[in-house]
């Protein structure tokens, strides 16, 4: 399973790459810091939905260390 689809791998304060709703067709990645996790289930096939510190919301596609 991809790390970005499992909620346990994503923590507030983590640096991540997300795809915003309007960028789903292009797959454009937006980088940011996780403010809060919006997905309640332990995993999601399209990526865990998060809110970034700047208020943007999208699904996590990559996790940066």
N, C-alpha and C. Protein backbone atom coordinates (compact mmCIF):
# COMPACT_ATOMS: atom_id res chain seq x y z
N UNK A 1 0.85 -1.19 0.00
CA UNK A 1 0.00 0.00 0.00
C UNK A 1 0.89 1.25 0.00
N UNK A 2 0.48 2.24 -0.77
CA UNK A 2 1.17 3.53 -0.85
C UNK A 2 1.11 4.22 0.52
N UNK A 3 2.22 4.82 0.95
CA UNK A 3 2.26 5.48 2.25
C UNK A 3 1.24 6.61 2.37
N UNK A 4 0.98 7.31 1.26
CA UNK A 4 0.08 8.47 1.29
C UNK A 4 -1.38 8.08 1.44
N UNK A 5 -1.72 6.79 1.28
CA UNK A 5 -3.11 6.37 1.42
C UNK A 5 -3.43 5.90 2.83
N UNK A 6 -2.42 5.81 3.71
CA UNK A 6 -2.62 5.35 5.09
C UNK A 6 -2.55 6.53 6.05
N UNK A 7 -3.60 6.72 6.82
CA UNK A 7 -3.70 7.86 7.74
C UNK A 7 -2.59 7.87 8.78
N UNK A 8 -2.16 6.68 9.21
CA UNK A 8 -1.14 6.59 10.27
C UNK A 8 0.20 7.20 9.86
N UNK A 9 0.44 7.35 8.55
CA UNK A 9 1.72 7.89 8.06
C UNK A 9 1.73 9.41 7.98
N UNK A 10 0.59 10.04 8.22
CA UNK A 10 0.47 11.49 8.05
C UNK A 10 0.17 12.13 9.40
N UNK A 11 0.99 13.11 9.77
CA UNK A 11 0.82 13.78 11.06
C UNK A 11 0.77 15.29 10.84
N UNK A 12 0.01 16.02 11.66
CA UNK A 12 0.06 17.48 11.58
C UNK A 12 1.50 17.95 11.73
N UNK A 13 1.90 18.91 10.90
CA UNK A 13 3.27 19.40 10.90
C UNK A 13 4.15 18.74 9.86
N UNK A 14 3.65 17.67 9.22
CA UNK A 14 4.42 16.95 8.21
C UNK A 14 4.43 17.74 6.90
N UNK A 15 5.54 17.65 6.19
CA UNK A 15 5.66 18.26 4.86
C UNK A 15 5.15 17.25 3.83
N UNK A 16 4.18 17.66 3.05
CA UNK A 16 3.54 16.74 2.10
C UNK A 16 3.33 17.40 0.75
N UNK A 17 3.05 16.58 -0.24
CA UNK A 17 2.60 17.05 -1.55
C UNK A 17 1.17 16.59 -1.74
N UNK A 18 0.27 17.54 -2.02
CA UNK A 18 -1.14 17.19 -2.20
C UNK A 18 -1.61 17.57 -3.60
N UNK A 19 -2.72 16.97 -4.01
CA UNK A 19 -3.38 17.38 -5.24
C UNK A 19 -4.68 18.06 -4.83
N UNK A 20 -4.81 19.34 -5.21
CA UNK A 20 -6.03 20.10 -4.91
C UNK A 20 -7.15 19.62 -5.81
N UNK A 21 -8.39 19.85 -5.38
CA UNK A 21 -9.56 19.41 -6.14
C UNK A 21 -9.49 19.89 -7.60
N UNK A 22 -9.15 21.16 -7.80
CA UNK A 22 -9.12 21.70 -9.17
C UNK A 22 -7.95 21.18 -9.99
N UNK A 23 -6.97 20.53 -9.33
CA UNK A 23 -5.80 20.01 -10.04
C UNK A 23 -5.88 18.50 -10.26
N UNK A 24 -7.02 17.87 -9.93
CA UNK A 24 -7.11 16.41 -10.03
C UNK A 24 -6.89 15.91 -11.45
N UNK A 25 -7.38 16.64 -12.46
CA UNK A 25 -7.19 16.21 -13.85
C UNK A 25 -5.72 16.26 -14.26
N UNK A 26 -5.04 17.35 -13.90
CA UNK A 26 -3.64 17.52 -14.30
C UNK A 26 -2.69 16.75 -13.37
N UNK A 27 -3.13 16.51 -12.12
CA UNK A 27 -2.27 15.81 -11.16
C UNK A 27 -1.19 16.71 -10.57
N UNK A 28 -1.35 18.03 -10.72
CA UNK A 28 -0.36 18.99 -10.21
C UNK A 28 -0.24 18.87 -8.69
N UNK A 29 1.00 18.76 -8.23
CA UNK A 29 1.28 18.60 -6.80
C UNK A 29 1.52 19.97 -6.17
N UNK A 30 0.88 20.20 -5.03
CA UNK A 30 1.08 21.42 -4.24
C UNK A 30 1.73 21.00 -2.93
N UNK A 31 2.87 21.61 -2.60
CA UNK A 31 3.56 21.25 -1.36
C UNK A 31 3.10 22.14 -0.21
N UNK A 32 3.12 21.58 0.98
CA UNK A 32 2.73 22.36 2.14
C UNK A 32 2.90 21.56 3.42
N UNK A 33 2.53 22.18 4.52
CA UNK A 33 2.61 21.57 5.86
C UNK A 33 1.20 21.23 6.33
N UNK A 34 1.02 20.01 6.81
CA UNK A 34 -0.30 19.55 7.26
C UNK A 34 -0.72 20.31 8.52
N UNK A 35 -1.91 20.92 8.45
CA UNK A 35 -2.50 21.56 9.62
C UNK A 35 -3.40 20.56 10.35
N UNK A 36 -4.28 19.89 9.57
CA UNK A 36 -5.13 18.86 10.18
C UNK A 36 -5.53 17.83 9.14
N UNK A 37 -5.87 16.64 9.64
CA UNK A 37 -6.27 15.52 8.78
C UNK A 37 -7.79 15.50 8.72
N UNK A 38 -8.33 15.45 7.50
CA UNK A 38 -9.79 15.51 7.33
C UNK A 38 -10.41 14.14 7.09
N UNK A 39 -9.62 13.17 6.63
CA UNK A 39 -10.14 11.82 6.40
C UNK A 39 -10.23 11.09 7.73
N UNK A 40 -11.41 10.50 8.01
CA UNK A 40 -11.59 9.79 9.28
C UNK A 40 -11.17 8.32 9.20
N UNK A 41 -11.29 7.71 8.02
CA UNK A 41 -10.95 6.29 7.90
C UNK A 41 -9.44 6.09 7.96
N UNK A 42 -8.99 4.88 8.27
CA UNK A 42 -7.56 4.61 8.45
C UNK A 42 -6.80 4.66 7.13
N UNK A 43 -7.49 4.42 6.01
CA UNK A 43 -6.84 4.62 4.72
C UNK A 43 -7.87 4.95 3.66
N UNK A 44 -7.38 5.50 2.55
CA UNK A 44 -8.26 5.92 1.45
C UNK A 44 -7.52 5.70 0.14
N UNK A 45 -8.15 5.07 -0.84
CA UNK A 45 -7.45 4.72 -2.09
C UNK A 45 -6.91 5.91 -2.88
N UNK A 46 -7.51 7.09 -2.73
CA UNK A 46 -7.06 8.26 -3.49
C UNK A 46 -6.13 9.16 -2.69
N UNK A 47 -5.83 8.76 -1.46
CA UNK A 47 -4.98 9.58 -0.60
C UNK A 47 -5.79 10.19 0.53
N UNK A 48 -5.12 10.42 1.64
CA UNK A 48 -5.77 11.00 2.82
C UNK A 48 -6.00 12.49 2.58
N UNK A 49 -7.21 12.96 2.85
CA UNK A 49 -7.53 14.38 2.66
C UNK A 49 -7.05 15.17 3.87
N UNK A 50 -6.31 16.25 3.59
CA UNK A 50 -5.75 17.09 4.66
C UNK A 50 -5.99 18.56 4.35
N UNK A 51 -5.91 19.37 5.40
CA UNK A 51 -5.90 20.83 5.25
C UNK A 51 -4.47 21.28 5.54
N UNK A 52 -3.92 22.11 4.65
CA UNK A 52 -2.59 22.65 4.86
C UNK A 52 -2.67 23.88 5.76
N UNK A 53 -1.51 24.32 6.27
CA UNK A 53 -1.48 25.48 7.16
C UNK A 53 -1.99 26.74 6.49
N UNK A 54 -1.91 26.81 5.14
CA UNK A 54 -2.40 27.99 4.43
C UNK A 54 -3.90 27.89 4.10
N UNK A 55 -4.54 26.79 4.55
CA UNK A 55 -5.99 26.65 4.37
C UNK A 55 -6.41 25.84 3.16
N UNK A 56 -5.47 25.53 2.26
CA UNK A 56 -5.84 24.73 1.08
C UNK A 56 -6.09 23.28 1.49
N UNK A 57 -7.01 22.62 0.77
CA UNK A 57 -7.40 21.25 1.08
C UNK A 57 -7.16 20.36 -0.13
N UNK A 58 -6.61 19.18 0.11
CA UNK A 58 -6.41 18.23 -0.98
C UNK A 58 -6.02 16.87 -0.45
N UNK A 59 -5.79 15.94 -1.38
CA UNK A 59 -5.42 14.58 -0.99
C UNK A 59 -3.91 14.40 -1.10
N UNK A 60 -3.33 13.77 -0.07
CA UNK A 60 -1.89 13.57 -0.02
C UNK A 60 -1.45 12.56 -1.08
N UNK A 61 -0.47 12.95 -1.89
CA UNK A 61 0.10 12.06 -2.89
C UNK A 61 1.53 11.69 -2.56
N UNK A 62 2.22 12.54 -1.80
CA UNK A 62 3.60 12.22 -1.40
C UNK A 62 3.88 12.82 -0.03
N UNK A 63 4.76 12.15 0.70
CA UNK A 63 5.15 12.59 2.03
C UNK A 63 6.66 12.88 1.98
N UNK A 64 7.04 14.09 2.40
CA UNK A 64 8.45 14.49 2.38
C UNK A 64 9.01 14.41 3.79
N UNK A 65 10.24 13.95 3.89
CA UNK A 65 10.85 13.83 5.22
C UNK A 65 11.69 15.05 5.55
